N, C-alpha and C. Protein backbone atom coordinates (compact mmCIF):
# COMPACT_ATOMS: atom_id res chain seq x y z
N ALA A 1 24.38 2.23 -2.50
CA ALA A 1 24.26 1.05 -3.63
C ALA A 1 25.97 1.31 -4.91
N ASP A 2 26.53 3.05 -4.72
CA ASP A 2 28.06 3.03 -5.87
C ASP A 2 29.21 1.81 -5.67
N SER A 3 28.89 1.37 -3.34
CA SER A 3 29.37 0.16 -4.01
C SER A 3 28.85 -1.52 -4.06
N VAL A 4 27.67 -1.06 -4.45
CA VAL A 4 27.30 -2.67 -5.42
C VAL A 4 28.28 -3.34 -6.86
N ASP A 5 28.31 -3.77 -6.67
CA ASP A 5 28.97 -4.34 -7.92
C ASP A 5 28.64 -5.40 -8.55
N LYS A 6 29.44 -6.08 -9.75
CA LYS A 6 27.99 -7.84 -10.21
C LYS A 6 29.06 -8.65 -8.95
N SER A 7 29.55 -8.36 -7.88
CA SER A 7 30.68 -10.13 -7.45
C SER A 7 29.47 -9.49 -6.33
N THR A 8 28.83 -8.90 -6.02
CA THR A 8 27.60 -8.81 -4.66
C THR A 8 26.24 -9.35 -4.89
N ASP A 9 26.77 -10.92 -3.52
CA ASP A 9 25.31 -11.08 -3.07
C ASP A 9 24.51 -11.50 -3.08
N LEU A 10 25.28 -10.03 -1.74
CA LEU A 10 24.04 -9.85 -0.09
C LEU A 10 23.68 -8.63 -0.05
N VAL A 11 22.68 -7.89 -0.59
CA VAL A 11 22.63 -6.49 -0.61
C VAL A 11 21.11 -6.51 1.44
N LEU A 12 21.49 -6.31 2.15
CA LEU A 12 20.54 -5.78 3.35
C LEU A 12 20.68 -3.89 4.02
N MET A 13 19.42 -3.79 3.88
CA MET A 13 19.11 -2.10 3.51
C MET A 13 17.73 -1.20 4.17
N THR A 14 17.60 -0.53 4.70
CA THR A 14 16.67 -0.07 5.14
C THR A 14 16.80 1.11 3.54
N MET A 15 15.18 1.37 3.49
CA MET A 15 15.30 2.37 2.96
C MET A 15 13.72 3.53 2.76
N GLY A 16 13.61 4.78 2.53
CA GLY A 16 12.33 5.53 2.56
C GLY A 16 12.21 6.34 3.72
N GLY A 17 13.23 6.02 4.79
CA GLY A 17 12.42 7.47 5.51
C GLY A 17 12.86 8.80 5.27
N ASN A 18 13.81 8.71 4.59
CA ASN A 18 14.06 10.69 4.08
C ASN A 18 13.24 10.34 3.15
N ASP A 19 13.42 10.00 2.52
CA ASP A 19 12.06 10.57 1.15
C ASP A 19 10.53 10.55 2.40
N ALA A 20 10.43 9.54 3.26
CA ALA A 20 8.85 10.29 3.12
C ALA A 20 9.14 11.11 4.62
N GLY A 21 10.68 11.24 5.19
CA GLY A 21 9.88 12.93 5.72
C GLY A 21 9.84 13.03 7.14
N PHE A 22 10.76 12.44 7.44
CA PHE A 22 10.32 10.93 8.93
C PHE A 22 11.62 12.85 9.50
N ALA A 23 11.97 12.97 8.71
CA ALA A 23 12.70 14.08 9.77
C ALA A 23 11.91 15.17 10.12
N ASP A 24 11.18 15.85 9.44
CA ASP A 24 10.53 16.89 9.82
C ASP A 24 9.39 16.04 10.62
N ILE A 25 8.73 15.25 10.57
CA ILE A 25 7.59 14.15 11.98
C ILE A 25 8.31 14.43 13.03
N ILE A 26 9.46 14.04 13.47
CA ILE A 26 10.31 13.66 14.22
C ILE A 26 10.33 14.81 14.54
N GLN A 27 10.70 16.66 13.44
CA GLN A 27 11.04 17.92 14.56
C GLN A 27 9.54 18.32 15.08
N HIS A 28 8.90 18.60 14.22
CA HIS A 28 7.14 18.76 14.90
C HIS A 28 6.40 17.77 15.20
N CYS A 29 7.13 15.90 15.27
CA CYS A 29 5.65 15.88 16.05
C CYS A 29 5.92 15.31 18.13
N LEU A 30 7.07 15.12 16.85
CA LEU A 30 7.80 14.26 18.53
C LEU A 30 9.16 15.70 19.22
N ALA A 31 9.85 16.15 18.34
CA ALA A 31 10.41 17.35 20.06
C ALA A 31 9.86 17.09 20.92
N PRO A 32 10.49 18.19 22.03
CA PRO A 32 10.55 18.24 23.29
C PRO A 32 8.83 19.40 22.86
N VAL A 33 7.51 19.32 23.67
CA VAL A 33 6.67 20.81 23.68
C VAL A 33 8.00 22.48 24.58
N GLY A 34 8.24 21.26 25.16
CA GLY A 34 9.06 22.71 25.84
C GLY A 34 9.97 23.29 25.87
N LEU A 35 11.11 22.63 24.48
CA LEU A 35 11.72 23.08 24.07
C LEU A 35 11.57 23.50 22.30
N PRO A 36 11.09 25.17 22.60
CA PRO A 36 10.29 25.26 20.61
C PRO A 36 11.14 25.19 19.98
N GLN A 37 12.49 25.73 20.46
CA GLN A 37 13.96 26.13 19.46
C GLN A 37 13.70 24.55 18.40
N TYR A 38 13.75 23.57 18.83
CA TYR A 38 13.48 22.29 18.40
C TYR A 38 12.15 22.27 17.42
N GLY A 39 11.66 22.68 17.33
CA GLY A 39 9.89 22.53 16.94
C GLY A 39 9.05 21.58 17.14
N GLY A 40 9.60 21.47 18.21
CA GLY A 40 8.54 20.56 18.63
C GLY A 40 7.34 20.87 19.15
N GLY A 41 5.97 20.07 19.12
CA GLY A 41 5.06 21.00 19.94
C GLY A 41 4.06 20.77 18.87
N ASP A 42 4.29 21.15 17.47
CA ASP A 42 3.49 22.05 15.85
C ASP A 42 2.53 21.36 15.90
N GLY A 43 1.07 21.11 16.87
CA GLY A 43 0.54 20.18 16.00
C GLY A 43 -0.51 19.65 14.89
N ASN A 44 -0.17 21.74 14.36
CA ASN A 44 -0.93 21.31 12.88
C ASN A 44 0.67 21.22 11.84
N LYS A 45 1.57 21.44 12.49
CA LYS A 45 2.70 20.90 11.30
C LYS A 45 2.95 19.56 11.46
N CYS A 46 2.56 18.90 12.65
CA CYS A 46 2.32 17.22 12.91
C CYS A 46 2.01 17.01 12.19
N LYS A 47 0.69 17.58 12.11
CA LYS A 47 -0.44 16.68 11.34
C LYS A 47 -0.29 16.82 9.45
N LYS A 48 -0.08 17.51 9.50
CA LYS A 48 0.27 18.56 7.95
C LYS A 48 1.09 17.11 7.54
N ASP A 49 2.27 17.72 8.75
CA ASP A 49 4.05 16.84 7.48
C ASP A 49 3.10 14.58 7.49
N ILE A 50 2.23 13.44 8.69
CA ILE A 50 1.53 13.61 8.70
C ILE A 50 0.76 12.58 7.60
N GLN A 51 0.35 13.94 7.10
CA GLN A 51 -1.03 13.57 5.96
C GLN A 51 0.23 13.64 5.05
N ASP A 52 1.04 14.39 4.09
CA ASP A 52 1.98 14.58 3.88
C ASP A 52 2.46 13.42 2.69
N THR A 53 2.58 12.75 3.90
CA THR A 53 3.78 11.86 4.05
C THR A 53 3.16 10.87 3.83
N SER A 54 1.77 9.96 4.20
CA SER A 54 0.72 9.04 3.46
C SER A 54 0.42 9.23 2.77
N ASN A 55 0.36 11.14 2.62
CA ASN A 55 -0.69 11.03 0.81
C ASN A 55 0.26 10.34 -0.25
N ASN A 56 1.94 10.63 0.37
CA ASN A 56 2.73 10.55 -0.67
C ASN A 56 2.93 9.53 -0.51
N LEU A 57 2.66 8.12 0.27
CA LEU A 57 3.16 6.86 0.96
C LEU A 57 4.19 6.47 -0.78
N SER A 58 2.88 5.99 -1.64
CA SER A 58 2.52 4.95 -3.07
C SER A 58 4.02 5.91 -3.84
N GLN A 59 3.91 6.75 -3.53
CA GLN A 59 5.36 7.24 -4.10
C GLN A 59 7.06 7.28 -4.13
N ILE A 60 6.92 7.63 -2.60
CA ILE A 60 8.03 6.96 -2.13
C ILE A 60 7.93 5.54 -2.13
N MET A 61 7.29 4.36 -2.03
CA MET A 61 7.56 2.67 -2.33
C MET A 61 7.73 2.78 -4.18
N GLY A 62 7.68 2.89 -4.42
CA GLY A 62 7.79 2.79 -5.74
C GLY A 62 9.10 3.93 -6.28
N THR A 63 8.82 4.86 -5.28
CA THR A 63 10.65 4.68 -6.08
C THR A 63 11.91 3.73 -5.67
N LEU A 64 11.74 3.74 -4.35
CA LEU A 64 12.38 2.24 -3.19
C LEU A 64 12.10 0.72 -4.54
N GLU A 65 10.64 1.07 -5.21
CA GLU A 65 11.01 -0.61 -6.00
C GLU A 65 11.97 -0.21 -6.71
N LYS A 66 11.53 1.01 -7.90
CA LYS A 66 12.92 0.74 -8.28
C LYS A 66 13.73 1.11 -8.35
N ASN A 67 14.80 1.69 -7.16
CA ASN A 67 15.74 1.40 -6.36
C ASN A 67 16.47 -0.50 -6.13
N ILE A 68 15.74 -1.16 -6.07
CA ILE A 68 15.98 -1.92 -6.06
C ILE A 68 16.08 -3.17 -7.21
N ASP A 69 14.64 -3.00 -7.73
CA ASP A 69 15.13 -4.01 -9.28
C ASP A 69 16.30 -3.15 -10.09
N GLN A 70 16.55 -1.79 -9.77
CA GLN A 70 18.38 -1.66 -10.66
C GLN A 70 19.12 -1.95 -10.06
N LEU A 71 19.38 -2.14 -8.83
CA LEU A 71 20.08 -3.16 -7.71
C LEU A 71 20.69 -4.72 -8.34
N LEU A 72 19.19 -5.16 -8.02
CA LEU A 72 19.59 -6.02 -8.77
C LEU A 72 19.69 -6.32 -10.28
N SER A 73 18.90 -5.58 -10.88
CA SER A 73 19.38 -5.74 -12.45
C SER A 73 19.86 -5.33 -13.12
N GLU A 74 20.79 -4.93 -12.26
CA GLU A 74 21.76 -3.96 -12.89
C GLU A 74 23.43 -3.73 -12.31
N LYS A 75 23.24 -3.64 -10.87
CA LYS A 75 24.60 -3.42 -10.35
C LYS A 75 24.83 -5.35 -9.69
N MET A 76 24.33 -6.15 -10.18
CA MET A 76 23.77 -7.74 -8.98
C MET A 76 23.81 -8.56 -10.03
N SER A 77 23.69 -7.98 -11.35
CA SER A 77 23.66 -8.78 -12.10
C SER A 77 24.57 -10.13 -12.34
N GLY A 78 25.58 -10.31 -12.39
CA GLY A 78 26.11 -11.70 -11.76
C GLY A 78 26.26 -12.82 -11.61
N ASN A 79 25.75 -12.47 -10.72
CA ASN A 79 25.33 -14.11 -9.68
C ASN A 79 23.90 -13.77 -9.63
N PRO A 80 23.23 -14.17 -10.20
CA PRO A 80 21.65 -14.51 -11.12
C PRO A 80 20.86 -15.50 -9.27
N SER A 81 21.85 -15.58 -8.50
CA SER A 81 21.52 -16.13 -6.72
C SER A 81 21.60 -14.84 -5.72
N SER A 82 22.28 -13.60 -6.05
CA SER A 82 22.27 -12.33 -5.57
C SER A 82 21.27 -12.60 -4.71
N GLN A 83 21.20 -11.56 -2.65
CA GLN A 83 19.54 -10.91 -2.58
C GLN A 83 19.75 -9.59 -2.58
N VAL A 84 19.06 -8.94 -2.14
CA VAL A 84 18.53 -7.75 -1.37
C VAL A 84 17.56 -8.37 -0.40
N ILE A 85 18.14 -7.80 1.24
CA ILE A 85 16.88 -7.74 1.89
C ILE A 85 16.85 -6.43 2.59
N LEU A 86 15.42 -6.00 2.36
CA LEU A 86 14.67 -5.03 3.36
C LEU A 86 13.92 -5.07 4.66
N MET A 87 15.23 -4.34 5.52
CA MET A 87 14.47 -3.99 6.74
C MET A 87 13.63 -2.90 6.76
N ALA A 88 12.31 -3.52 7.61
CA ALA A 88 11.11 -2.41 8.03
C ALA A 88 12.28 -1.12 9.33
N TYR A 89 11.34 -0.36 9.32
CA TYR A 89 12.20 0.24 10.06
C TYR A 89 11.02 0.50 10.51
N PRO A 90 11.71 0.73 12.39
CA PRO A 90 11.02 0.27 13.62
C PRO A 90 10.33 1.11 14.00
N LEU A 91 8.82 1.52 14.95
CA LEU A 91 8.13 3.05 14.72
C LEU A 91 9.55 3.80 16.09
N LEU A 92 8.30 4.81 15.26
CA LEU A 92 9.61 6.36 15.77
C LEU A 92 9.27 6.70 17.47
N SER A 93 7.95 5.77 17.74
CA SER A 93 6.90 6.35 19.10
C SER A 93 6.52 5.25 19.99
N LEU A 94 7.06 5.02 21.24
CA LEU A 94 6.05 3.83 21.82
C LEU A 94 4.83 4.17 21.67
N ASP A 95 4.33 3.08 22.20
CA ASP A 95 3.16 2.60 22.16
C ASP A 95 1.86 3.24 23.20
N LYS A 96 1.83 5.16 23.23
CA LYS A 96 1.12 5.93 24.34
C LYS A 96 1.02 7.53 23.59
N PRO A 97 0.06 7.75 24.25
CA PRO A 97 -0.35 8.14 23.49
C PRO A 97 0.81 10.47 23.85
N LEU A 98 0.20 10.74 22.78
CA LEU A 98 0.81 12.24 22.63
C LEU A 98 0.23 12.87 22.17
N LEU A 99 -0.67 13.42 22.64
CA LEU A 99 -1.11 14.45 22.14
C LEU A 99 -0.98 15.58 22.24
N LEU A 100 -1.50 16.92 21.10
CA LEU A 100 -0.37 17.92 20.63
C LEU A 100 -2.17 18.71 20.13
N GLU A 101 -1.79 19.95 20.16
CA GLU A 101 -3.12 21.08 20.15
C GLU A 101 -2.49 21.98 18.65
N THR A 102 -4.03 20.95 18.24
CA THR A 102 -4.37 21.72 17.00
C THR A 102 -5.37 23.28 16.65
N ASP A 103 -5.37 23.26 14.50
CA ASP A 103 -6.15 24.20 15.04
C ASP A 103 -8.13 23.67 15.62
N SER A 104 -8.42 22.14 14.88
CA SER A 104 -8.82 21.37 15.22
C SER A 104 -9.19 20.74 16.13
N GLY A 105 -8.09 21.01 17.49
CA GLY A 105 -8.26 20.28 18.68
C GLY A 105 -6.93 19.67 18.86
N GLN A 106 -7.00 18.02 19.58
CA GLN A 106 -5.22 17.45 20.06
C GLN A 106 -6.15 16.27 18.67
N TYR A 107 -4.95 16.05 18.81
CA TYR A 107 -3.98 15.06 17.61
C TYR A 107 -3.13 14.57 18.22
N ASP A 108 -3.62 12.89 18.08
CA ASP A 108 -2.20 11.72 18.95
C ASP A 108 -1.39 12.05 18.66
N ALA A 109 -0.28 12.62 18.13
CA ALA A 109 0.85 11.89 17.20
C ALA A 109 1.54 10.94 17.24
N SER A 110 1.67 10.87 18.91
CA SER A 110 2.05 9.25 18.42
C SER A 110 1.40 8.12 17.91
N ALA A 111 -0.23 7.93 17.84
CA ALA A 111 -0.41 7.15 17.56
C ALA A 111 -0.14 7.22 16.33
N ALA A 112 -0.01 8.84 15.31
CA ALA A 112 -0.19 9.21 14.17
C ALA A 112 1.16 8.41 13.82
N VAL A 113 1.80 8.84 14.34
CA VAL A 113 3.06 7.91 13.29
C VAL A 113 3.99 6.30 13.56
N ARG A 114 2.59 5.89 14.36
CA ARG A 114 3.02 4.86 14.88
C ARG A 114 1.57 4.19 13.44
N GLU A 115 0.73 4.61 12.96
CA GLU A 115 0.10 3.45 12.05
C GLU A 115 0.52 4.24 10.73
N LEU A 116 1.55 5.38 10.80
CA LEU A 116 2.31 5.47 9.46
C LEU A 116 3.48 4.75 8.94
N GLY A 117 3.73 4.55 10.26
CA GLY A 117 4.91 3.49 9.96
C GLY A 117 4.60 1.99 9.84
N MET A 118 3.24 1.40 10.63
CA MET A 118 2.69 0.77 9.81
C MET A 118 1.79 0.83 8.48
N GLN A 119 1.29 1.43 8.29
CA GLN A 119 0.93 2.03 6.86
C GLN A 119 2.27 1.45 5.70
N ALA A 120 3.52 1.85 6.24
CA ALA A 120 4.21 1.89 5.22
C ALA A 120 5.11 0.35 5.34
N VAL A 121 5.52 -0.64 5.97
CA VAL A 121 5.33 -1.66 6.08
C VAL A 121 4.62 -2.21 5.53
N GLU A 122 3.14 -2.28 5.44
CA GLU A 122 2.87 -2.90 3.74
C GLU A 122 2.85 -2.63 3.98
N GLN A 123 3.11 -1.68 2.94
CA GLN A 123 3.68 -1.28 1.28
C GLN A 123 4.90 -1.55 1.12
N GLN A 124 5.64 -1.46 1.50
CA GLN A 124 6.60 -2.55 2.08
C GLN A 124 6.58 -3.27 1.37
N LYS A 125 5.73 -4.37 2.14
CA LYS A 125 5.92 -6.28 1.84
C LYS A 125 5.56 -6.55 0.34
N GLN A 126 4.73 -5.07 0.41
CA GLN A 126 3.41 -5.38 -0.97
C GLN A 126 4.67 -5.59 -2.25
N LEU A 127 5.17 -4.16 -1.86
CA LEU A 127 6.65 -3.94 -3.21
C LEU A 127 7.62 -5.58 -3.57
N VAL A 128 7.82 -5.50 -2.05
CA VAL A 128 9.03 -6.77 -1.94
C VAL A 128 7.98 -8.31 -2.69
N GLN A 129 6.81 -8.73 -2.69
CA GLN A 129 5.57 -9.07 -3.12
C GLN A 129 5.34 -9.17 -5.00
N ARG A 130 5.71 -8.14 -4.61
CA ARG A 130 5.94 -7.84 -6.74
C ARG A 130 7.28 -7.84 -7.04
N LEU A 131 8.00 -7.29 -6.54
CA LEU A 131 9.87 -7.95 -6.89
C LEU A 131 10.57 -8.91 -7.34
N ASN A 132 9.72 -9.90 -6.33
CA ASN A 132 9.39 -11.56 -6.45
C ASN A 132 8.66 -12.44 -7.27
N VAL A 133 8.11 -10.96 -7.91
CA VAL A 133 6.93 -12.42 -9.57
C VAL A 133 8.30 -12.33 -10.82
N LYS A 134 8.99 -10.91 -10.44
CA LYS A 134 10.62 -10.90 -11.34
C LYS A 134 11.20 -10.77 -11.05
N TYR A 135 11.95 -11.51 -9.66
CA TYR A 135 13.35 -12.07 -8.92
C TYR A 135 12.98 -12.91 -8.61
N LEU A 136 12.18 -14.13 -8.31
CA LEU A 136 11.68 -15.66 -7.82
C LEU A 136 12.59 -15.70 -6.74
N GLY A 137 12.24 -14.56 -5.56
CA GLY A 137 12.68 -14.82 -4.44
C GLY A 137 14.20 -14.72 -3.73
N ARG A 138 14.46 -13.46 -4.45
CA ARG A 138 15.70 -13.11 -4.65
C ARG A 138 15.38 -11.76 -3.81
N VAL A 139 14.13 -11.60 -3.37
CA VAL A 139 14.25 -10.09 -2.57
C VAL A 139 13.28 -10.97 -1.17
N LYS A 140 13.89 -10.76 -0.17
CA LYS A 140 12.90 -10.73 1.18
C LYS A 140 12.84 -9.28 1.89
N PHE A 141 11.86 -9.36 3.00
CA PHE A 141 11.27 -8.47 3.40
C PHE A 141 11.42 -8.86 4.87
N VAL A 142 12.16 -8.04 5.55
CA VAL A 142 12.15 -8.46 7.75
C VAL A 142 11.23 -7.72 7.81
N GLU A 143 9.65 -7.42 7.86
CA GLU A 143 8.78 -6.95 8.20
C GLU A 143 8.32 -6.72 9.82
N GLN A 144 10.11 -7.87 10.62
CA GLN A 144 9.24 -8.19 12.14
C GLN A 144 9.73 -6.94 12.16
N THR A 145 10.84 -5.68 12.39
CA THR A 145 11.03 -4.75 13.06
C THR A 145 10.50 -4.46 14.17
N PRO A 146 9.57 -4.25 13.54
CA PRO A 146 8.86 -3.06 14.61
C PRO A 146 8.34 -3.74 16.01
N ALA A 147 8.49 -5.01 15.71
CA ALA A 147 7.45 -5.50 16.43
C ALA A 147 9.03 -6.01 17.94
N ALA A 148 10.67 -6.34 16.68
CA ALA A 148 11.37 -6.93 17.71
C ALA A 148 12.16 -5.57 18.46
N PHE A 149 11.44 -4.09 17.95
CA PHE A 149 11.38 -2.82 18.97
C PHE A 149 11.02 -2.33 19.84
N ALA A 150 9.56 -3.27 19.42
CA ALA A 150 8.74 -2.76 20.65
C ALA A 150 8.86 -3.05 22.22
N GLY A 151 9.01 -1.29 22.76
CA GLY A 151 8.68 -1.21 24.04
C GLY A 151 10.21 -0.58 24.72
N HIS A 152 11.09 0.02 23.14
CA HIS A 152 11.98 0.66 22.59
C HIS A 152 12.56 1.37 22.42
N GLU A 153 11.74 1.44 21.57
CA GLU A 153 11.31 3.23 20.69
C GLU A 153 10.98 4.14 20.63
N PRO A 154 11.57 5.89 20.90
CA PRO A 154 11.57 7.28 21.43
C PRO A 154 10.58 7.09 22.12
N ASP A 155 10.48 7.99 23.55
CA ASP A 155 9.39 8.14 24.10
C ASP A 155 8.91 9.44 24.30
N PRO A 156 7.90 9.66 23.85
CA PRO A 156 7.29 10.87 23.28
C PRO A 156 6.86 11.95 24.42
N ASP A 157 7.13 11.57 25.87
CA ASP A 157 6.71 11.99 27.19
C ASP A 157 7.85 12.84 27.46
N PHE A 158 7.24 14.32 27.65
CA PHE A 158 9.05 14.61 28.08
C PHE A 158 7.84 16.32 29.12
N ASP A 159 9.21 16.35 30.27
CA ASP A 159 8.28 17.23 31.00
C ASP A 159 8.19 18.53 30.56
N VAL A 160 6.56 18.97 30.52
CA VAL A 160 5.98 20.58 29.95
C VAL A 160 7.64 21.68 29.79
N TRP A 161 7.36 21.52 31.06
CA TRP A 161 8.71 22.73 31.36
C TRP A 161 10.25 22.70 30.28
N GLY A 162 9.63 21.45 30.08
CA GLY A 162 11.32 21.56 29.50
C GLY A 162 12.56 21.61 30.93
N MET A 163 11.99 21.39 31.76
CA MET A 163 13.13 21.30 33.12
C MET A 163 13.85 19.58 32.95
N THR A 164 13.00 18.50 33.08
CA THR A 164 13.36 17.31 33.70
C THR A 164 12.56 16.55 32.63
N GLU A 165 14.14 16.64 31.76
CA GLU A 165 13.79 14.87 29.94
C GLU A 165 13.50 13.71 31.15
N LYS A 166 12.52 13.43 30.93
CA LYS A 166 12.43 12.41 30.74
C LYS A 166 12.84 11.02 30.22
N THR A 167 12.99 9.93 28.88
CA THR A 167 13.65 9.74 28.52
C THR A 167 13.16 9.70 27.14
N ASN A 168 13.82 10.10 26.26
CA ASN A 168 13.86 9.71 25.03
C ASN A 168 15.42 9.11 24.68
């Protein structure tokens, strides 16, 4: 955003992943169980990270909305036809189970991560609709990113002993 000025007519962006705690989610949910030094396979932390992010998703999206509003109203104010294109993130895991043990039983981390990603996409779509009321079509949303990356997401499947990493 520091490089954007009144002459900027197009900004392509992704935003919100760091604010959503995706680094912790990846570490606690998707790092290999067989490599505990990376924090992997902690079902309790994974479940908590996903619940915390889900609970804070509206606030995270509110910050994103304010940032895009500021880009258009302040930084890109020299061109009334300038646009911001927000791209959804790819999902963080293939659509295959990754069962982690928690205090209350097994937790499918992969399914939970994918569901959270799709919740974020829906909220991003809604915030773009709100911004377009004010900015009349100057904000676009590429919601097809998860579909475009389908099958290419990180594979959570590792050998449980850490001996033979499969793919990721």
